[in-house]
Amino acid sequence: MNVTEIEDRVLIRILEAIQERIDDGEADLDEDPFDSTNMDMLDNVCQYFGIILDDFIDRSFFIKLYEDNPNFQTEPLKRPTLETYDVIHKEDVREYKTNYYSTRIDSYYPIDEDILYELQSNNEYEYWDGNHFDTEYHDTDVTNDNVVEITKIERK
């Protein structure tokens, strides 16, 4: 169901149910509107009215509707408008991986592993100067993440 198509009279009843739960201390949309307690409360209230909230967009509609209509019982409803945001998020990652390199070496003397390590210790062979042709990822650890930028996209 498209939540924007719900009639005002039903939205008012939903807002009344939300307000009742807030007054009873079951939820607090002012502190952290998208915490799991508030999301569960919104889901339960809407399910009571036969409305299944499919995603964040649906839930954000009701949170913004509640926020924009403190006097919903005495004033006409102000319906929220859908906005679009570009988000840049960065993460610092420690990767555990295996890289594969291919190197062609010309030599009159037969090459074996011991000779390659000896050449490497003398700086005459650097495997990473070869052709990197494959990477196997074993594990990653995210050490930090941050929102870098949020930009509201203007609708035309």
C-alpha atoms as a PDB file:
ATOM      1  CA  MET A   1       0.000   0.000   0.000  1.00  0.00           C
ATOM      2  CA  ASN A   2       1.235   3.478  -0.857  1.00  0.00           C
ATOM      3  CA  VAL A   3       1.173   5.343   2.459  1.00  0.00           C
ATOM      4  CA  THR A   4       0.690   8.687   0.705  1.00  0.00           C
ATOM      5  CA  GLU A   5      -2.727   7.526  -0.496  1.00  0.00           C
ATOM      6  CA  ILE A   6      -4.133   6.888   2.995  1.00  0.00           C
ATOM      7  CA  GLU A   7      -7.102   9.129   3.752  1.00  0.00           C
ATOM      8  CA  ASP A   8      -6.676  11.953   6.279  1.00  0.00           C
ATOM      9  CA  ARG A   9      -9.280  10.497   8.648  1.00  0.00           C
ATOM     10  CA  VAL A  10      -7.254   7.249   8.879  1.00  0.00           C
ATOM     11  CA  LEU A  11      -3.992   9.151   9.290  1.00  0.00           C
ATOM     12  CA  ILE A  12      -5.516  11.111  12.168  1.00  0.00           C
ATOM     13  CA  ARG A  13      -6.516   7.863  13.898  1.00  0.00           C
ATOM     14  CA  ILE A  14      -2.978   6.532  13.376  1.00  0.00           C
ATOM     15  CA  LEU A  15      -1.517   9.749  14.832  1.00  0.00           C
ATOM     16  CA  GLU A  16      -3.851   9.394  17.833  1.00  0.00           C
ATOM     17  CA  ALA A  17      -2.601   5.834  18.397  1.00  0.00           C
ATOM     18  CA  ILE A  18       1.025   6.971  18.100  1.00  0.00           C
ATOM     19  CA  GLN A  19       0.406   9.805  20.558  1.00  0.00           C
ATOM     20  CA  GLU A  20      -1.261   7.394  22.989  1.00  0.00           C
ATOM     21  CA  ARG A  21       1.777   5.109  22.937  1.00  0.00           C
ATOM     22  CA  ILE A  22       4.127   8.056  23.432  1.00  0.00           C
ATOM     23  CA  ASP A  23       2.012   9.294  26.359  1.00  0.00           C
ATOM     24  CA  ASP A  24       2.168   5.785  27.861  1.00  0.00           C
ATOM     25  CA  GLY A  25       5.985   5.839  27.600  1.00  0.00           C
ATOM     26  CA  GLU A  26       6.152   3.021  25.024  1.00  0.00           C
ATOM     27  CA  ALA A  27       7.972   5.206  22.506  1.00  0.00           C
ATOM     28  CA  ASP A  28       9.688   8.570  22.116  1.00  0.00           C
ATOM     29  CA  LEU A  29       9.867   9.960  18.598  1.00  0.00           C
ATOM     30  CA  ASP A  30      11.645  13.123  19.798  1.00  0.00           C
ATOM     31  CA  GLU A  31      14.791  11.466  21.163  1.00  0.00           C
ATOM     32  CA  ASP A  32      15.788   8.958  18.448  1.00  0.00           C
ATOM     33  CA  PRO A  33      12.894   8.525  16.025  1.00  0.00           C
ATOM     34  CA  PHE A  34      14.415   5.577  14.130  1.00  0.00           C
ATOM     35  CA  ASP A  35      15.458   3.378  17.056  1.00  0.00           C
ATOM     36  CA  SER A  36      14.071  -0.157  17.121  1.00  0.00           C
ATOM     37  CA  THR A  37      11.503   0.582  19.857  1.00  0.00           C
ATOM     38  CA  ASN A  38       9.951   3.354  17.786  1.00  0.00           C
ATOM     39  CA  MET A  39      10.061   1.261  14.606  1.00  0.00           C
ATOM     40  CA  ASP A  40       8.291  -1.615  16.375  1.00  0.00           C
ATOM     41  CA  MET A  41       5.677   0.790  17.735  1.00  0.00           C
ATOM     42  CA  LEU A  42       5.022   2.246  14.264  1.00  0.00           C
ATOM     43  CA  ASP A  43       4.775  -1.227  12.739  1.00  0.00           C
ATOM     44  CA  ASN A  44       2.303  -2.341  15.433  1.00  0.00           C
ATOM     45  CA  VAL A  45       0.129   0.769  15.177  1.00  0.00           C
ATOM     46  CA  CYS A  46      -0.044   0.579  11.397  1.00  0.00           C
ATOM     47  CA  GLN A  47      -0.692  -3.180  11.414  1.00  0.00           C
ATOM     48  CA  TYR A  48      -3.681  -2.524  13.684  1.00  0.00           C
ATOM     49  CA  PHE A  49      -5.100  -0.419  10.836  1.00  0.00           C
ATOM     50  CA  GLY A  50      -4.223  -3.065   8.232  1.00  0.00           C
ATOM     51  CA  ILE A  51      -1.197  -1.195   6.929  1.00  0.00           C
ATOM     52  CA  ILE A  52       2.100  -3.002   6.476  1.00  0.00           C
ATOM     53  CA  LEU A  53       5.116  -0.696   6.476  1.00  0.00           C
ATOM     54  CA  ASP A  54       7.460  -2.054   3.843  1.00  0.00           C
ATOM     55  CA  ASP A  55      10.590  -0.045   4.404  1.00  0.00           C
ATOM     56  CA  PHE A  56      12.373   2.998   5.774  1.00  0.00           C
ATOM     57  CA  ILE A  57      10.524   5.291   3.352  1.00  0.00           C
ATOM     58  CA  ASP A  58       7.131   4.243   4.750  1.00  0.00           C
ATOM     59  CA  ARG A  59       8.318   4.640   8.335  1.00  0.00           C
ATOM     60  CA  SER A  60       9.877   8.029   7.602  1.00  0.00           C
ATOM     61  CA  PHE A  61       6.493   9.168   6.232  1.00  0.00           C
ATOM     62  CA  PHE A  62       4.772   8.516   9.569  1.00  0.00           C
ATOM     63  CA  ILE A  63       7.581   9.982  11.671  1.00  0.00           C
ATOM     64  CA  LYS A  64       7.600  13.177   9.598  1.00  0.00           C
ATOM     65  CA  LEU A  65       3.775  13.257   9.580  1.00  0.00           C
ATOM     66  CA  TYR A  66       3.795  13.102  13.374  1.00  0.00           C
ATOM     67  CA  GLU A  67       6.556  15.725  13.659  1.00  0.00           C
ATOM     68  CA  ASP A  68       4.875  18.179  11.242  1.00  0.00           C
ATOM     69  CA  ASN A  69       1.426  17.899  12.833  1.00  0.00           C
ATOM     70  CA  PRO A  70       1.616  18.643  16.580  1.00  0.00           C
ATOM     71  CA  ASN A  71      -2.001  19.892  16.445  1.00  0.00           C
ATOM     72  CA  PHE A  72      -3.371  17.132  14.206  1.00  0.00           C
ATOM     73  CA  GLN A  73      -6.658  17.000  16.122  1.00  0.00           C
ATOM     74  CA  THR A  74      -7.494  20.678  15.501  1.00  0.00           C
ATOM     75  CA  GLU A  75      -5.641  21.664  12.312  1.00  0.00           C
ATOM     76  CA  PRO A  76      -5.625  20.234   8.763  1.00  0.00           C
ATOM     77  CA  LEU A  77      -2.920  17.639   8.192  1.00  0.00           C
ATOM     78  CA  LYS A  78       0.306  18.699   6.544  1.00  0.00           C
ATOM     79  CA  ARG A  79       1.519  15.739   4.487  1.00  0.00           C
ATOM     80  CA  PRO A  80       5.270  15.250   4.213  1.00  0.00           C
ATOM     81  CA  THR A  81       6.927  15.335   0.812  1.00  0.00           C
ATOM     82  CA  LEU A  82       9.431  12.722  -0.282  1.00  0.00           C
ATOM     83  CA  GLU A  83      12.966  14.087  -0.462  1.00  0.00           C
ATOM     84  CA  THR A  84      16.054  12.528  -1.997  1.00  0.00           C
ATOM     85  CA  TYR A  85      19.535  12.644  -0.480  1.00  0.00           C
ATOM     86  CA  ASP A  86      22.941  11.685  -1.814  1.00  0.00           C
ATOM     87  CA  VAL A  87      25.067  10.217   0.976  1.00  0.00           C
ATOM     88  CA  ILE A  88      28.818   9.741   0.915  1.00  0.00           C
ATOM     89  CA  HIS A  89      30.009   7.296   3.553  1.00  0.00           C
ATOM     90  CA  LYS A  90      33.581   6.190   4.039  1.00  0.00           C
ATOM     91  CA  GLU A  91      34.967   3.176   5.792  1.00  0.00           C
ATOM     92  CA  ASP A  92      38.442   2.276   6.919  1.00  0.00           C
ATOM     93  CA  VAL A  93      39.025  -1.392   6.203  1.00  0.00           C
ATOM     94  CA  ARG A  94      41.749  -3.850   7.009  1.00  0.00           C
ATOM     95  CA  GLU A  95      41.748  -6.483   4.284  1.00  0.00           C
ATOM     96  CA  TYR A  96      43.224  -9.928   4.543  1.00  0.00           C
ATOM     97  CA  LYS A  97      43.941 -11.053   1.045  1.00  0.00           C
ATOM     98  CA  THR A  98      46.326 -12.908  -1.182  1.00  0.00           C
ATOM     99  CA  ASN A  99      47.651 -11.195  -4.304  1.00  0.00           C
ATOM    100  CA  TYR A 100      49.070 -13.135  -7.229  1.00  0.00           C
ATOM    101  CA  TYR A 101      51.812 -11.743  -9.479  1.00  0.00           C
ATOM    102  CA  SER A 102      53.343 -13.144 -12.643  1.00  0.00           C
ATOM    103  CA  THR A 103      56.896 -12.195 -13.558  1.00  0.00           C
ATOM    104  CA  ARG A 104      58.963 -13.353 -16.537  1.00  0.00           C
ATOM    105  CA  ILE A 105      62.642 -13.653 -15.653  1.00  0.00           C
ATOM    106  CA  ASP A 106      65.442 -14.292 -18.108  1.00  0.00           C
ATOM    107  CA  SER A 107      68.329 -16.357 -16.661  1.00  0.00           C
ATOM    108  CA  TYR A 108      71.055 -18.697 -17.862  1.00  0.00           C
ATOM    109  CA  TYR A 109      70.924 -20.407 -14.495  1.00  0.00           C
ATOM    110  CA  PRO A 110      67.877 -22.502 -13.545  1.00  0.00           C
ATOM    111  CA  ILE A 111      65.525 -20.534 -11.244  1.00  0.00           C
ATOM    112  CA  ASP A 112      64.076 -22.082  -8.106  1.00  0.00           C
ATOM    113  CA  GLU A 113      62.405 -20.706  -4.990  1.00  0.00           C
ATOM    114  CA  ASP A 114      65.648 -20.324  -3.039  1.00  0.00           C
ATOM    115  CA  ILE A 115      67.227 -18.310  -5.842  1.00  0.00           C
ATOM    116  CA  LEU A 116      64.183 -16.037  -6.054  1.00  0.00           C
ATOM    117  CA  TYR A 117      64.355 -15.272  -2.327  1.00  0.00           C
ATOM    118  CA  GLU A 118      68.094 -14.589  -2.642  1.00  0.00           C
ATOM    119  CA  LEU A 119      67.450 -12.241  -5.572  1.00  0.00           C
ATOM    120  CA  GLN A 120      64.723 -10.559  -3.536  1.00  0.00           C
ATOM    121  CA  SER A 121      67.046  -9.994  -0.573  1.00  0.00           C
ATOM    122  CA  ASN A 122      69.530  -8.356  -2.978  1.00  0.00           C
ATOM    123  CA  ASN A 123      66.786  -6.151  -4.466  1.00  0.00           C
ATOM    124  CA  GLU A 124      67.223  -7.788  -7.859  1.00  0.00           C
ATOM    125  CA  TYR A 125      63.749  -9.325  -7.864  1.00  0.00           C
ATOM    126  CA  GLU A 126      60.580  -7.611  -6.630  1.00  0.00           C
ATOM    127  CA  TYR A 127      57.499  -9.703  -7.240  1.00  0.00           C
ATOM    128  CA  TRP A 128      55.221  -6.643  -7.131  1.00  0.00           C
ATOM    129  CA  ASP A 129      56.968  -5.296 -10.204  1.00  0.00           C
ATOM    130  CA  GLY A 130      55.368  -8.180 -12.081  1.00  0.00           C
ATOM    131  CA  ASN A 131      51.862  -8.409 -13.483  1.00  0.00           C
ATOM    132  CA  HIS A 132      49.230  -8.479 -10.717  1.00  0.00           C
ATOM    133  CA  PHE A 133      46.646 -10.891 -12.088  1.00  0.00           C
ATOM    134  CA  ASP A 134      44.449 -12.051  -9.199  1.00  0.00           C
ATOM    135  CA  THR A 135      43.392 -11.326  -5.625  1.00  0.00           C
ATOM    136  CA  GLU A 136      41.721 -13.676  -3.175  1.00  0.00           C
ATOM    137  CA  TYR A 137      39.935 -11.939  -0.297  1.00  0.00           C
ATOM    138  CA  HIS A 138      39.939 -13.925   2.932  1.00  0.00           C
ATOM    139  CA  ASP A 139      38.485 -11.508   5.457  1.00  0.00           C
ATOM    140  CA  THR A 140      37.968  -7.835   6.175  1.00  0.00           C
ATOM    141  CA  ASP A 141      37.676  -5.833   9.357  1.00  0.00           C
ATOM    142  CA  VAL A 142      35.981  -2.453   9.270  1.00  0.00           C
ATOM    143  CA  THR A 143      37.975  -0.358  11.706  1.00  0.00           C
ATOM    144  CA  ASN A 144      35.934   2.836  11.371  1.00  0.00           C
ATOM    145  CA  ASP A 145      33.152   4.389   9.331  1.00  0.00           C
ATOM    146  CA  ASN A 146      31.896   7.936   8.998  1.00  0.00           C
ATOM    147  CA  VAL A 147      29.275   9.861   7.107  1.00  0.00           C
ATOM    148  CA  VAL A 148      31.269  12.325   5.045  1.00  0.00           C
ATOM    149  CA  GLU A 149      28.490  14.283   3.379  1.00  0.00           C
ATOM    150  CA  ILE A 150      24.726  14.393   2.999  1.00  0.00           C
ATOM    151  CA  THR A 151      23.314  16.459   0.166  1.00  0.00           C
ATOM    152  CA  LYS A 152      19.603  17.062  -0.328  1.00  0.00           C
ATOM    153  CA  ILE A 153      18.697  16.737  -3.989  1.00  0.00           C
ATOM    154  CA  GLU A 154      16.316  19.433  -5.199  1.00  0.00           C
ATOM    155  CA  ARG A 155      13.290  18.055  -6.977  1.00  0.00           C
ATOM    156  CA  LYS A 156      12.197  19.634 -10.222  1.00  0.00           C
END
